[in-house]
Each structure stands twice: as structure tokens, then as C-alpha cells.
Amino acid sequence: MDNTFGIFSLLFFGCGVYAIYAWAKMKKDGHINETLLLGKNYFEYTCKDKEMFLKKAQPAVLTFGIVSVIYGVIDFVHYYVMPIQILDYIAMASFLACIVWYMVYTTKLKREFF
């Protein structure tokens, strides 16, 4: 299919891969990924309880990464392999719901631990 919106599928896929990589790195070295979890006004060294923050945040990062990868793959297939519009809409709705949940959840964590 000749559709320029299909390029976003690669963006979503890449975002998901990065989130999964960040989850694995946080699990391995115990540092908070400031890009995905904190934003520009928060810093890892100001966290009140870093271990508990990571324990609560890591499942959210992994969930966001998996949902992003799945949506990226479904969207890519829809635009470049074969049209699967209903599945693409379901995946898009799931992805958008996951983003909203992720933002709300991580904002609550920031309020609690910073």
C-alpha cells in the first residue's frame, strides 16, 4: 500500500524496542531511565526511595514497550503487507489507552517518590 502514515509504524516499533531495552537496563543496573520515567524537571538522585520506585515503574515500562512493539508490527502489516483495518483500529485503541495509562501512572509515581 502506498501510504505515508505507515512510517509511523516504524516509530511505534522503535519506541517499543527502546522501552524494552530501557526496562532490561534498569533491571540490570538499578538506575532510573530519566527519559522514559522522569522528564526534565526530575532527577534520579532526588528520588526518596529509588528501589521502590523502580519496583513499581518497571512493569509499566515493560507493558508500554510490549504494547508499542505489537502495535508497530500490526500497523506495519496493515500499511505495507495486507490491509487489516479492524485489527489495526483495535491495536491503535489499545496503544492509545496504554499511553494514557502510562502517563497517569508514572505521574502518580513521580508525585509519590519525588
PDB file of N, CA and C in Angstrom:
ATOM      1  N   MET A   1       0.836  -1.172   0.000  1.00  0.00           N
ATOM      2  CA  MET A   1       0.000   0.000   0.000  1.00  0.00           C
ATOM      3  C   MET A   1       0.880   1.234   0.000  1.00  0.00           C
ATOM      4  N   ASP A   2       0.428   2.230  -0.712  1.00  0.00           N
ATOM      5  CA  ASP A   2       1.184   3.462  -0.799  1.00  0.00           C
ATOM      6  C   ASP A   2       0.583   4.485   0.157  1.00  0.00           C
ATOM      7  N   ASN A   3       1.026   4.458   1.387  1.00  0.00           N
ATOM      8  CA  ASN A   3       0.501   5.373   2.388  1.00  0.00           C
ATOM      9  C   ASN A   3       1.638   5.854   3.273  1.00  0.00           C
ATOM     10  N   THR A   4       1.805   7.161   3.359  1.00  0.00           N
ATOM     11  CA  THR A   4       2.907   7.712   4.139  1.00  0.00           C
ATOM     12  C   THR A   4       2.706   7.580   5.637  1.00  0.00           C
ATOM     13  N   PHE A   5       1.473   7.346   6.091  1.00  0.00           N
ATOM     14  CA  PHE A   5       1.246   7.189   7.522  1.00  0.00           C
ATOM     15  C   PHE A   5       1.827   5.878   8.044  1.00  0.00           C
ATOM     16  N   GLY A   6       2.135   4.968   7.172  1.00  0.00           N
ATOM     17  CA  GLY A   6       2.721   3.702   7.581  1.00  0.00           C
ATOM     18  C   GLY A   6       4.098   3.861   8.204  1.00  0.00           C
ATOM     19  N   ILE A   7       4.772   4.966   7.928  1.00  0.00           N
ATOM     20  CA  ILE A   7       6.089   5.203   8.514  1.00  0.00           C
ATOM     21  C   ILE A   7       6.001   5.319  10.032  1.00  0.00           C
ATOM     22  N   PHE A   8       4.838   5.721  10.542  1.00  0.00           N
ATOM     23  CA  PHE A   8       4.664   5.816  11.990  1.00  0.00           C
ATOM     24  C   PHE A   8       4.763   4.447  12.651  1.00  0.00           C
ATOM     25  N   SER A   9       4.444   3.406  11.916  1.00  0.00           N
ATOM     26  CA  SER A   9       4.550   2.063  12.486  1.00  0.00           C
ATOM     27  C   SER A   9       5.987   1.761  12.894  1.00  0.00           C
ATOM     28  N   LEU A  10       6.949   2.228  12.107  1.00  0.00           N
ATOM     29  CA  LEU A  10       8.346   2.036  12.466  1.00  0.00           C
ATOM     30  C   LEU A  10       8.712   2.845  13.701  1.00  0.00           C
ATOM     31  N   LEU A  11       8.132   4.021  13.823  1.00  0.00           N
ATOM     32  CA  LEU A  11       8.356   4.852  15.006  1.00  0.00           C
ATOM     33  C   LEU A  11       7.814   4.177  16.260  1.00  0.00           C
ATOM     34  N   PHE A  12       6.593   3.652  16.184  1.00  0.00           N
ATOM     35  CA  PHE A  12       6.000   2.959  17.323  1.00  0.00           C
ATOM     36  C   PHE A  12       6.801   1.713  17.689  1.00  0.00           C
ATOM     37  N   PHE A  13       7.218   0.965  16.672  1.00  0.00           N
ATOM     38  CA  PHE A  13       8.020  -0.232  16.900  1.00  0.00           C
ATOM     39  C   PHE A  13       9.336   0.127  17.580  1.00  0.00           C
ATOM     40  N   GLY A  14      10.006   1.148  17.053  1.00  0.00           N
ATOM     41  CA  GLY A  14      11.275   1.589  17.645  1.00  0.00           C
ATOM     42  C   GLY A  14      11.121   2.086  19.069  1.00  0.00           C
ATOM     43  N   CYS A  15      10.042   2.784  19.329  1.00  0.00           N
ATOM     44  CA  CYS A  15       9.757   3.261  20.678  1.00  0.00           C
ATOM     45  C   CYS A  15       9.571   2.084  21.628  1.00  0.00           C
ATOM     46  N   GLY A  16       8.869   1.074  21.176  1.00  0.00           N
ATOM     47  CA  GLY A  16       8.660  -0.117  21.992  1.00  0.00           C
ATOM     48  C   GLY A  16       9.950  -0.874  22.258  1.00  0.00           C
ATOM     49  N   VAL A  17      10.782  -0.998  21.241  1.00  0.00           N
ATOM     50  CA  VAL A  17      12.066  -1.677  21.405  1.00  0.00           C
ATOM     51  C   VAL A  17      12.926  -0.908  22.409  1.00  0.00           C
ATOM     52  N   TYR A  18      12.923   0.428  22.316  1.00  0.00           N
ATOM     53  CA  TYR A  18      13.685   1.235  23.264  1.00  0.00           C
ATOM     54  C   TYR A  18      13.156   1.060  24.687  1.00  0.00           C
ATOM     55  N   ALA A  19      11.843   1.013  24.850  1.00  0.00           N
ATOM     56  CA  ALA A  19      11.256   0.842  26.182  1.00  0.00           C
ATOM     57  C   ALA A  19      11.641  -0.517  26.769  1.00  0.00           C
ATOM     58  N   ILE A  20      11.626  -1.555  25.953  1.00  0.00           N
ATOM     59  CA  ILE A  20      12.022  -2.878  26.440  1.00  0.00           C
ATOM     60  C   ILE A  20      13.508  -2.893  26.791  1.00  0.00           C
ATOM     61  N   TYR A  21      14.321  -2.241  25.966  1.00  0.00           N
ATOM     62  CA  TYR A  21      15.752  -2.121  26.265  1.00  0.00           C
ATOM     63  C   TYR A  21      15.962  -1.356  27.578  1.00  0.00           C
ATOM     64  N   ALA A  22      15.229  -0.263  27.761  1.00  0.00           N
ATOM     65  CA  ALA A  22      15.354   0.535  28.987  1.00  0.00           C
ATOM     66  C   ALA A  22      14.923  -0.278  30.205  1.00  0.00           C
ATOM     67  N   TRP A  23      13.859  -1.070  30.056  1.00  0.00           N
ATOM     68  CA  TRP A  23      13.413  -1.941  31.153  1.00  0.00           C
ATOM     69  C   TRP A  23      14.519  -2.926  31.540  1.00  0.00           C
ATOM     70  N   ALA A  24      15.120  -3.567  30.546  1.00  0.00           N
ATOM     71  CA  ALA A  24      16.179  -4.540  30.823  1.00  0.00           C
ATOM     72  C   ALA A  24      17.386  -3.865  31.472  1.00  0.00           C
ATOM     73  N   LYS A  25      17.740  -2.685  30.995  1.00  0.00           N
ATOM     74  CA  LYS A  25      18.878  -1.952  31.553  1.00  0.00           C
ATOM     75  C   LYS A  25      18.598  -1.513  32.990  1.00  0.00           C
ATOM     76  N   MET A  26      17.370  -1.045  33.254  1.00  0.00           N
ATOM     77  CA  MET A  26      17.013  -0.649  34.615  1.00  0.00           C
ATOM     78  C   MET A  26      17.046  -1.860  35.543  1.00  0.00           C
ATOM     79  N   LYS A  27      16.575  -2.977  35.059  1.00  0.00           N
ATOM     80  CA  LYS A  27      16.560  -4.209  35.860  1.00  0.00           C
ATOM     81  C   LYS A  27      17.988  -4.658  36.163  1.00  0.00           C
ATOM     82  N   LYS A  28      18.888  -4.482  35.203  1.00  0.00           N
ATOM     83  CA  LYS A  28      20.261  -4.941  35.360  1.00  0.00           C
ATOM     84  C   LYS A  28      21.092  -4.013  36.241  1.00  0.00           C
ATOM     85  N   ASP A  29      21.055  -2.697  35.967  1.00  0.00           N
ATOM     86  CA  ASP A  29      21.972  -1.800  36.680  1.00  0.00           C
ATOM     87  C   ASP A  29      21.326  -0.997  37.813  1.00  0.00           C
ATOM     88  N   GLY A  30      19.994  -0.993  37.914  1.00  0.00           N
ATOM     89  CA  GLY A  30      19.334  -0.324  39.024  1.00  0.00           C
ATOM     90  C   GLY A  30      19.244   1.181  38.920  1.00  0.00           C
ATOM     91  N   HIS A  31      19.451   1.734  37.719  1.00  0.00           N
ATOM     92  CA  HIS A  31      19.329   3.176  37.521  1.00  0.00           C
ATOM     93  C   HIS A  31      18.002   3.498  36.844  1.00  0.00           C
ATOM     94  N   ILE A  32      17.426   4.624  37.209  1.00  0.00           N
ATOM     95  CA  ILE A  32      16.151   5.054  36.627  1.00  0.00           C
ATOM     96  C   ILE A  32      16.413   5.635  35.244  1.00  0.00           C
ATOM     97  N   ASN A  33      15.637   5.222  34.258  1.00  0.00           N
ATOM     98  CA  ASN A  33      15.721   5.803  32.923  1.00  0.00           C
ATOM     99  C   ASN A  33      14.973   7.138  32.954  1.00  0.00           C
ATOM    100  N   GLU A  34      15.728   8.217  32.985  1.00  0.00           N
ATOM    101  CA  GLU A  34      15.130   9.544  33.128  1.00  0.00           C
ATOM    102  C   GLU A  34      14.317   9.944  31.904  1.00  0.00           C
ATOM    103  N   THR A  35      14.667   9.441  30.747  1.00  0.00           N
ATOM    104  CA  THR A  35      13.942   9.791  29.528  1.00  0.00           C
ATOM    105  C   THR A  35      12.518   9.258  29.549  1.00  0.00           C
ATOM    106  N   LEU A  36      12.339   8.020  29.916  1.00  0.00           N
ATOM    107  CA  LEU A  36      11.015   7.398  29.897  1.00  0.00           C
ATOM    108  C   LEU A  36      10.195   7.660  31.152  1.00  0.00           C
ATOM    109  N   LEU A  37      10.844   7.904  32.268  1.00  0.00           N
ATOM    110  CA  LEU A  37      10.109   7.941  33.520  1.00  0.00           C
ATOM    111  C   LEU A  37      10.055   9.298  34.210  1.00  0.00           C
ATOM    112  N   LEU A  38      11.022  10.160  33.991  1.00  0.00           N
ATOM    113  CA  LEU A  38      11.088  11.341  34.832  1.00  0.00           C
ATOM    114  C   LEU A  38      10.777  12.662  34.137  1.00  0.00           C
ATOM    115  N   GLY A  39      11.303  12.906  32.994  1.00  0.00           N
ATOM    116  CA  GLY A  39      11.117  14.205  32.369  1.00  0.00           C
ATOM    117  C   GLY A  39      12.231  15.157  32.769  1.00  0.00           C
ATOM    118  N   LYS A  40      12.119  16.412  32.339  1.00  0.00           N
ATOM    119  CA  LYS A  40      13.261  17.305  32.524  1.00  0.00           C
ATOM    120  C   LYS A  40      13.338  17.989  33.884  1.00  0.00           C
ATOM    121  N   ASN A  41      12.308  17.962  34.687  1.00  0.00           N
ATOM    122  CA  ASN A  41      12.365  18.627  35.989  1.00  0.00           C
ATOM    123  C   ASN A  41      12.641  17.672  37.139  1.00  0.00           C
ATOM    124  N   TYR A  42      12.886  16.405  36.856  1.00  0.00           N
ATOM    125  CA  TYR A  42      13.150  15.406  37.888  1.00  0.00           C
ATOM    126  C   TYR A  42      14.490  14.745  37.610  1.00  0.00           C
ATOM    127  N   PHE A  43      15.186  14.390  38.699  1.00  0.00           N
ATOM    128  CA  PHE A  43      16.500  13.766  38.560  1.00  0.00           C
ATOM    129  C   PHE A  43      16.575  12.550  39.465  1.00  0.00           C
ATOM    130  N   GLU A  44      17.299  11.542  39.018  1.00  0.00           N
ATOM    131  CA  GLU A  44      17.379  10.277  39.745  1.00  0.00           C
ATOM    132  C   GLU A  44      17.886  10.478  41.174  1.00  0.00           C
ATOM    133  N   TYR A  45      18.856  11.343  41.366  1.00  0.00           N
ATOM    134  CA  TYR A  45      19.446  11.498  42.692  1.00  0.00           C
ATOM    135  C   TYR A  45      18.497  12.132  43.707  1.00  0.00           C
ATOM    136  N   THR A  46      17.383  12.720  43.259  1.00  0.00           N
ATOM    137  CA  THR A  46      16.428  13.316  44.200  1.00  0.00           C
ATOM    138  C   THR A  46      15.304  12.357  44.597  1.00  0.00           C
ATOM    139  N   CYS A  47      15.352  11.133  44.122  1.00  0.00           N
ATOM    140  CA  CYS A  47      14.309  10.152  44.434  1.00  0.00           C
ATOM    141  C   CYS A  47      14.403   9.744  45.908  1.00  0.00           C
ATOM    142  N   LYS A  48      13.259   9.697  46.578  1.00  0.00           N
ATOM    143  CA  LYS A  48      13.218   9.352  48.005  1.00  0.00           C
ATOM    144  C   LYS A  48      13.532   7.876  48.251  1.00  0.00           C
ATOM    145  N   ASP A  49      13.018   6.993  47.405  1.00  0.00           N
ATOM    146  CA  ASP A  49      13.238   5.551  47.537  1.00  0.00           C
ATOM    147  C   ASP A  49      13.364   4.950  46.135  1.00  0.00           C
ATOM    148  N   LYS A  50      14.590   4.951  45.633  1.00  0.00           N
ATOM    149  CA  LYS A  50      14.836   4.540  44.251  1.00  0.00           C
ATOM    150  C   LYS A  50      14.458   3.083  43.997  1.00  0.00           C
ATOM    151  N   GLU A  51      14.743   2.192  44.927  1.00  0.00           N
ATOM    152  CA  GLU A  51      14.444   0.778  44.726  1.00  0.00           C
ATOM    153  C   GLU A  51      12.937   0.543  44.595  1.00  0.00           C
ATOM    154  N   MET A  52      12.160   1.186  45.448  1.00  0.00           N
ATOM    155  CA  MET A  52      10.708   1.026  45.385  1.00  0.00           C
ATOM    156  C   MET A  52      10.146   1.674  44.118  1.00  0.00           C
ATOM    157  N   PHE A  53      10.708   2.828  43.743  1.00  0.00           N
ATOM    158  CA  PHE A  53      10.272   3.477  42.508  1.00  0.00           C
ATOM    159  C   PHE A  53      10.496   2.551  41.322  1.00  0.00           C
ATOM    160  N   LEU A  54      11.686   1.965  41.249  1.00  0.00           N
ATOM    161  CA  LEU A  54      11.986   1.043  40.146  1.00  0.00           C
ATOM    162  C   LEU A  54      11.076  -0.175  40.183  1.00  0.00           C
ATOM    163  N   LYS A  55      10.830  -0.695  41.378  1.00  0.00           N
ATOM    164  CA  LYS A  55       9.968  -1.872  41.506  1.00  0.00           C
ATOM    165  C   LYS A  55       8.565  -1.592  40.977  1.00  0.00           C
ATOM    166  N   LYS A  56       8.063  -0.380  41.210  1.00  0.00           N
ATOM    167  CA  LYS A  56       6.726  -0.022  40.738  1.00  0.00           C
ATOM    168  C   LYS A  56       6.717   0.434  39.277  1.00  0.00           C
ATOM    169  N   ALA A  57       7.807   1.012  38.800  1.00  0.00           N
ATOM    170  CA  ALA A  57       7.837   1.580  37.450  1.00  0.00           C
ATOM    171  C   ALA A  57       8.208   0.572  36.372  1.00  0.00           C
ATOM    172  N   GLN A  58       9.020  -0.408  36.703  1.00  0.00           N
ATOM    173  CA  GLN A  58       9.485  -1.349  35.689  1.00  0.00           C
ATOM    174  C   GLN A  58       8.364  -2.111  34.981  1.00  0.00           C
ATOM    175  N   PRO A  59       7.345  -2.604  35.674  1.00  0.00           N
ATOM    176  CA  PRO A  59       6.261  -3.269  34.941  1.00  0.00           C
ATOM    177  C   PRO A  59       5.537  -2.338  33.968  1.00  0.00           C
ATOM    178  N   ALA A  60       5.415  -1.077  34.314  1.00  0.00           N
ATOM    179  CA  ALA A  60       4.769  -0.119  33.415  1.00  0.00           C
ATOM    180  C   ALA A  60       5.601   0.102  32.158  1.00  0.00           C
ATOM    181  N   VAL A  61       6.904   0.210  32.325  1.00  0.00           N
ATOM    182  CA  VAL A  61       7.793   0.394  31.168  1.00  0.00           C
ATOM    183  C   VAL A  61       7.741  -0.827  30.263  1.00  0.00           C
ATOM    184  N   LEU A  62       7.770  -2.013  30.859  1.00  0.00           N
ATOM    185  CA  LEU A  62       7.708  -3.234  30.057  1.00  0.00           C
ATOM    186  C   LEU A  62       6.372  -3.351  29.326  1.00  0.00           C
ATOM    187  N   THR A  63       5.285  -3.056  30.005  1.00  0.00           N
ATOM    188  CA  THR A  63       3.958  -3.104  29.368  1.00  0.00           C
ATOM    189  C   THR A  63       3.879  -2.126  28.210  1.00  0.00           C
ATOM    190  N   PHE A  64       4.341  -0.901  28.435  1.00  0.00           N
ATOM    191  CA  PHE A  64       4.349   0.102  27.376  1.00  0.00           C
ATOM    192  C   PHE A  64       5.189  -0.361  26.189  1.00  0.00           C
ATOM    193  N   GLY A  65       6.339  -0.956  26.460  1.00  0.00           N
ATOM    194  CA  GLY A  65       7.198  -1.436  25.387  1.00  0.00           C
ATOM    195  C   GLY A  65       6.560  -2.550  24.577  1.00  0.00           C
ATOM    196  N   ILE A  66       5.950  -3.506  25.250  1.00  0.00           N
ATOM    197  CA  ILE A  66       5.318  -4.630  24.547  1.00  0.00           C
ATOM    198  C   ILE A  66       4.138  -4.151  23.706  1.00  0.00           C
ATOM    199  N   VAL A  67       3.300  -3.300  24.277  1.00  0.00           N
ATOM    200  CA  VAL A  67       2.144  -2.785  23.526  1.00  0.00           C
ATOM    201  C   VAL A  67       2.609  -1.972  22.324  1.00  0.00           C
ATOM    202  N   SER A  68       3.660  -1.183  22.479  1.00  0.00           N
ATOM    203  CA  SER A  68       4.180  -0.389  21.365  1.00  0.00           C
ATOM    204  C   SER A  68       4.732  -1.264  20.247  1.00  0.00           C
ATOM    205  N   VAL A  69       5.462  -2.303  20.609  1.00  0.00           N
ATOM    206  CA  VAL A  69       6.007  -3.218  19.598  1.00  0.00           C
ATOM    207  C   VAL A  69       4.878  -3.916  18.854  1.00  0.00           C
ATOM    208  N   ILE A  70       3.898  -4.406  19.588  1.00  0.00           N
ATOM    209  CA  ILE A  70       2.776  -5.105  18.949  1.00  0.00           C
ATOM    210  C   ILE A  70       2.027  -4.170  18.007  1.00  0.00           C
ATOM    211  N   TYR A  71       1.749  -2.946  18.466  1.00  0.00           N
ATOM    212  CA  TYR A  71       1.049  -2.000  17.599  1.00  0.00           C
ATOM    213  C   TYR A  71       1.898  -1.642  16.383  1.00  0.00           C
ATOM    214  N   GLY A  72       3.190  -1.464  16.573  1.00  0.00           N
ATOM    215  CA  GLY A  72       4.058  -1.152  15.436  1.00  0.00           C
ATOM    216  C   GLY A  72       4.050  -2.241  14.384  1.00  0.00           C
ATOM    217  N   VAL A  73       4.085  -3.480  14.819  1.00  0.00           N
ATOM    218  CA  VAL A  73       4.066  -4.609  13.875  1.00  0.00           C
ATOM    219  C   VAL A  73       2.720  -4.688  13.157  1.00  0.00           C
ATOM    220  N   ILE A  74       1.629  -4.585  13.910  1.00  0.00           N
ATOM    221  CA  ILE A  74       0.292  -4.654  13.295  1.00  0.00           C
ATOM    222  C   ILE A  74       0.094  -3.504  12.314  1.00  0.00           C
ATOM    223  N   ASP A  75       0.518  -2.317  12.692  1.00  0.00           N
ATOM    224  CA  ASP A  75       0.364  -1.155  11.817  1.00  0.00           C
ATOM    225  C   ASP A  75       1.218  -1.310  10.550  1.00  0.00           C
ATOM    226  N   PHE A  76       2.427  -1.824  10.699  1.00  0.00           N
ATOM    227  CA  PHE A  76       3.286  -2.057   9.540  1.00  0.00           C
ATOM    228  C   PHE A  76       2.654  -3.057   8.585  1.00  0.00           C
ATOM    229  N   VAL A  77       2.152  -4.153   9.128  1.00  0.00           N
ATOM    230  CA  VAL A  77       1.490  -5.159   8.298  1.00  0.00           C
ATOM    231  C   VAL A  77       0.283  -4.552   7.599  1.00  0.00           C
ATOM    232  N   HIS A  78      -0.481  -3.763   8.325  1.00  0.00           N
ATOM    233  CA  HIS A  78      -1.675  -3.142   7.738  1.00  0.00           C
ATOM    234  C   HIS A  78      -1.330  -2.238   6.555  1.00  0.00           C
ATOM    235  N   TYR A  79      -0.288  -1.437   6.681  1.00  0.00           N
ATOM    236  CA  TYR A  79       0.032  -0.482   5.621  1.00  0.00           C
ATOM    237  C   TYR A  79       0.882  -1.053   4.498  1.00  0.00           C
ATOM    238  N   TYR A  80       1.716  -2.050   4.781  1.00  0.00           N
ATOM    239  CA  TYR A  80       2.663  -2.490   3.764  1.00  0.00           C
ATOM    240  C   TYR A  80       2.496  -3.929   3.295  1.00  0.00           C
ATOM    241  N   VAL A  81       1.769  -4.758   4.009  1.00  0.00           N
ATOM    242  CA  VAL A  81       1.637  -6.156   3.600  1.00  0.00           C
ATOM    243  C   VAL A  81       0.221  -6.441   3.126  1.00  0.00           C
ATOM    244  N   MET A  82      -0.737  -6.321   4.052  1.00  0.00           N
ATOM    245  CA  MET A  82      -2.135  -6.553   3.698  1.00  0.00           C
ATOM    246  C   MET A  82      -3.018  -5.736   4.630  1.00  0.00           C
ATOM    247  N   PRO A  83      -4.072  -5.159   4.106  1.00  0.00           N
ATOM    248  CA  PRO A  83      -4.940  -4.342   4.956  1.00  0.00           C
ATOM    249  C   PRO A  83      -5.700  -5.183   5.984  1.00  0.00           C
ATOM    250  N   ILE A  84      -5.525  -4.831   7.220  1.00  0.00           N
ATOM    251  CA  ILE A  84      -6.257  -5.465   8.329  1.00  0.00           C
ATOM    252  C   ILE A  84      -6.785  -4.329   9.220  1.00  0.00           C
ATOM    253  N   GLN A  85      -7.731  -3.620   8.675  1.00  0.00           N
ATOM    254  CA  GLN A  85      -8.164  -2.373   9.274  1.00  0.00           C
ATOM    255  C   GLN A  85      -8.766  -2.541  10.670  1.00  0.00           C
ATOM    256  N   ILE A  86      -9.610  -3.521  10.873  1.00  0.00           N
ATOM    257  CA  ILE A  86     -10.245  -3.702  12.182  1.00  0.00           C
ATOM    258  C   ILE A  86      -9.184  -4.006  13.242  1.00  0.00           C
ATOM    259  N   LEU A  87      -8.266  -4.911  12.947  1.00  0.00           N
ATOM    260  CA  LEU A  87      -7.202  -5.233  13.894  1.00  0.00           C
ATOM    261  C   LEU A  87      -6.309  -4.020  14.149  1.00  0.00           C
ATOM    262  N   ASP A  88      -6.065  -3.235  13.112  1.00  0.00           N
ATOM    263  CA  ASP A  88      -5.264  -2.026  13.266  1.00  0.00           C
ATOM    264  C   ASP A  88      -5.970  -1.027  14.181  1.00  0.00           C
ATOM    265  N   TYR A  89      -7.272  -0.872  14.036  1.00  0.00           N
ATOM    266  CA  TYR A  89      -8.027   0.032  14.911  1.00  0.00           C
ATOM    267  C   TYR A  89      -8.012  -0.453  16.359  1.00  0.00           C
ATOM    268  N   ILE A  90      -8.164  -1.749  16.553  1.00  0.00           N
ATOM    269  CA  ILE A  90      -8.126  -2.306  17.905  1.00  0.00           C
ATOM    270  C   ILE A  90      -6.746  -2.094  18.528  1.00  0.00           C
ATOM    271  N   ALA A  91      -5.708  -2.346  17.752  1.00  0.00           N
ATOM    272  CA  ALA A  91      -4.348  -2.152  18.248  1.00  0.00           C
ATOM    273  C   ALA A  91      -4.076  -0.680  18.541  1.00  0.00           C
ATOM    274  N   MET A  92      -4.584   0.206  17.687  1.00  0.00           N
ATOM    275  CA  MET A  92      -4.394   1.637  17.909  1.00  0.00           C
ATOM    276  C   MET A  92      -5.098   2.085  19.189  1.00  0.00           C
ATOM    277  N   ALA A  93      -6.309   1.616  19.400  1.00  0.00           N
ATOM    278  CA  ALA A  93      -7.042   1.971  20.616  1.00  0.00           C
ATOM    279  C   ALA A  93      -6.314   1.440  21.851  1.00  0.00           C
ATOM    280  N   SER A  94      -5.799   0.239  21.761  1.00  0.00           N
ATOM    281  CA  SER A  94      -5.035  -0.335  22.876  1.00  0.00           C
ATOM    282  C   SER A  94      -3.768   0.467  23.139  1.00  0.00           C
ATOM    283  N   PHE A  95      -3.086   0.852  22.084  1.00  0.00           N
ATOM    284  CA  PHE A  95      -1.867   1.645  22.211  1.00  0.00           C
ATOM    285  C   PHE A  95      -2.160   3.000  22.851  1.00  0.00           C
ATOM    286  N   LEU A  96      -3.213   3.670  22.382  1.00  0.00           N
ATOM    287  CA  LEU A  96      -3.560   4.977  22.953  1.00  0.00           C
ATOM    288  C   LEU A  96      -3.979   4.855  24.414  1.00  0.00           C
ATOM    289  N   ALA A  97      -4.735   3.819  24.737  1.00  0.00           N
ATOM    290  CA  ALA A  97      -5.127   3.597  26.133  1.00  0.00           C
ATOM    291  C   ALA A  97      -3.893   3.321  26.991  1.00  0.00           C
ATOM    292  N   CYS A  98      -2.945   2.578  26.451  1.00  0.00           N
ATOM    293  CA  CYS A  98      -1.721   2.276  27.183  1.00  0.00           C
ATOM    294  C   CYS A  98      -0.902   3.546  27.423  1.00  0.00           C
ATOM    295  N   ILE A  99      -0.824   4.419  26.447  1.00  0.00           N
ATOM    296  CA  ILE A  99      -0.085   5.674  26.618  1.00  0.00           C
ATOM    297  C   ILE A  99      -0.714   6.522  27.715  1.00  0.00           C
ATOM    298  N   VAL A 100      -2.031   6.641  27.692  1.00  0.00           N
ATOM    299  CA  VAL A 100      -2.720   7.441  28.715  1.00  0.00           C
ATOM    300  C   VAL A 100      -2.486   6.827  30.090  1.00  0.00           C
ATOM    301  N   TRP A 101      -2.653   5.510  30.207  1.00  0.00           N
ATOM    302  CA  TRP A 101      -2.416   4.832  31.481  1.00  0.00           C
ATOM    303  C   TRP A 101      -0.977   5.034  31.939  1.00  0.00           C
ATOM    304  N   TYR A 102      -0.020   4.898  31.043  1.00  0.00           N
ATOM    305  CA  TYR A 102       1.401   5.037  31.372  1.00  0.00           C
ATOM    306  C   TYR A 102       1.700   6.441  31.893  1.00  0.00           C
ATOM    307  N   MET A 103       1.153   7.440  31.229  1.00  0.00           N
ATOM    308  CA  MET A 103       1.399   8.824  31.661  1.00  0.00           C
ATOM    309  C   MET A 103       0.790   9.094  33.032  1.00  0.00           C
ATOM    310  N   VAL A 104      -0.428   8.648  33.239  1.00  0.00           N
ATOM    311  CA  VAL A 104      -1.087   8.857  34.527  1.00  0.00           C
ATOM    312  C   VAL A 104      -0.343   8.110  35.633  1.00  0.00           C
ATOM    313  N   TYR A 105       0.006   6.873  35.372  1.00  0.00           N
ATOM    314  CA  TYR A 105       0.680   6.041  36.379  1.00  0.00           C
ATOM    315  C   TYR A 105       2.053   6.603  36.747  1.00  0.00           C
ATOM    316  N   THR A 106       2.855   6.965  35.759  1.00  0.00           N
ATOM    317  CA  THR A 106       4.195   7.477  36.063  1.00  0.00           C
ATOM    318  C   THR A 106       4.128   8.858  36.722  1.00  0.00           C
ATOM    319  N   THR A 107       3.120   9.648  36.402  1.00  0.00           N
ATOM    320  CA  THR A 107       2.948  10.937  37.073  1.00  0.00           C
ATOM    321  C   THR A 107       2.634  10.726  38.553  1.00  0.00           C
ATOM    322  N   LYS A 108       1.784   9.761  38.853  1.00  0.00           N
ATOM    323  CA  LYS A 108       1.497   9.441  40.253  1.00  0.00           C
ATOM    324  C   LYS A 108       2.748   8.949  40.964  1.00  0.00           C
ATOM    325  N   LEU A 109       3.553   8.142  40.301  1.00  0.00           N
ATOM    326  CA  LEU A 109       4.790   7.669  40.910  1.00  0.00           C
ATOM    327  C   LEU A 109       5.734   8.830  41.183  1.00  0.00           C
ATOM    328  N   LYS A 110       5.837   9.763  40.255  1.00  0.00           N
ATOM    329  CA  LYS A 110       6.714  10.920  40.467  1.00  0.00           C
ATOM    330  C   LYS A 110       6.257  11.739  41.670  1.00  0.00           C
ATOM    331  N   ARG A 111       4.959  11.926  41.796  1.00  0.00           N
ATOM    332  CA  ARG A 111       4.436  12.675  42.958  1.00  0.00           C
ATOM    333  C   ARG A 111       4.752  11.955  44.258  1.00  0.00           C
ATOM    334  N   GLU A 112       4.689  10.637  44.229  1.00  0.00           N
ATOM    335  CA  GLU A 112       4.921   9.857  45.444  1.00  0.00           C
ATOM    336  C   GLU A 112       6.383   9.791  45.848  1.00  0.00           C
ATOM    337  N   PHE A 113       7.289   9.715  44.884  1.00  0.00           N
ATOM    338  CA  PHE A 113       8.680   9.463  45.195  1.00  0.00           C
ATOM    339  C   PHE A 113       9.623  10.654  44.998  1.00  0.00           C
ATOM    340  N   PHE A 114       9.118  11.772  44.536  1.00  0.00           N
ATOM    341  CA  PHE A 114       9.986  12.933  44.341  1.00  0.00           C
ATOM    342  C   PHE A 114       9.437  14.151  45.051  1.00  0.00           C
TER     343      PHE A 114
END
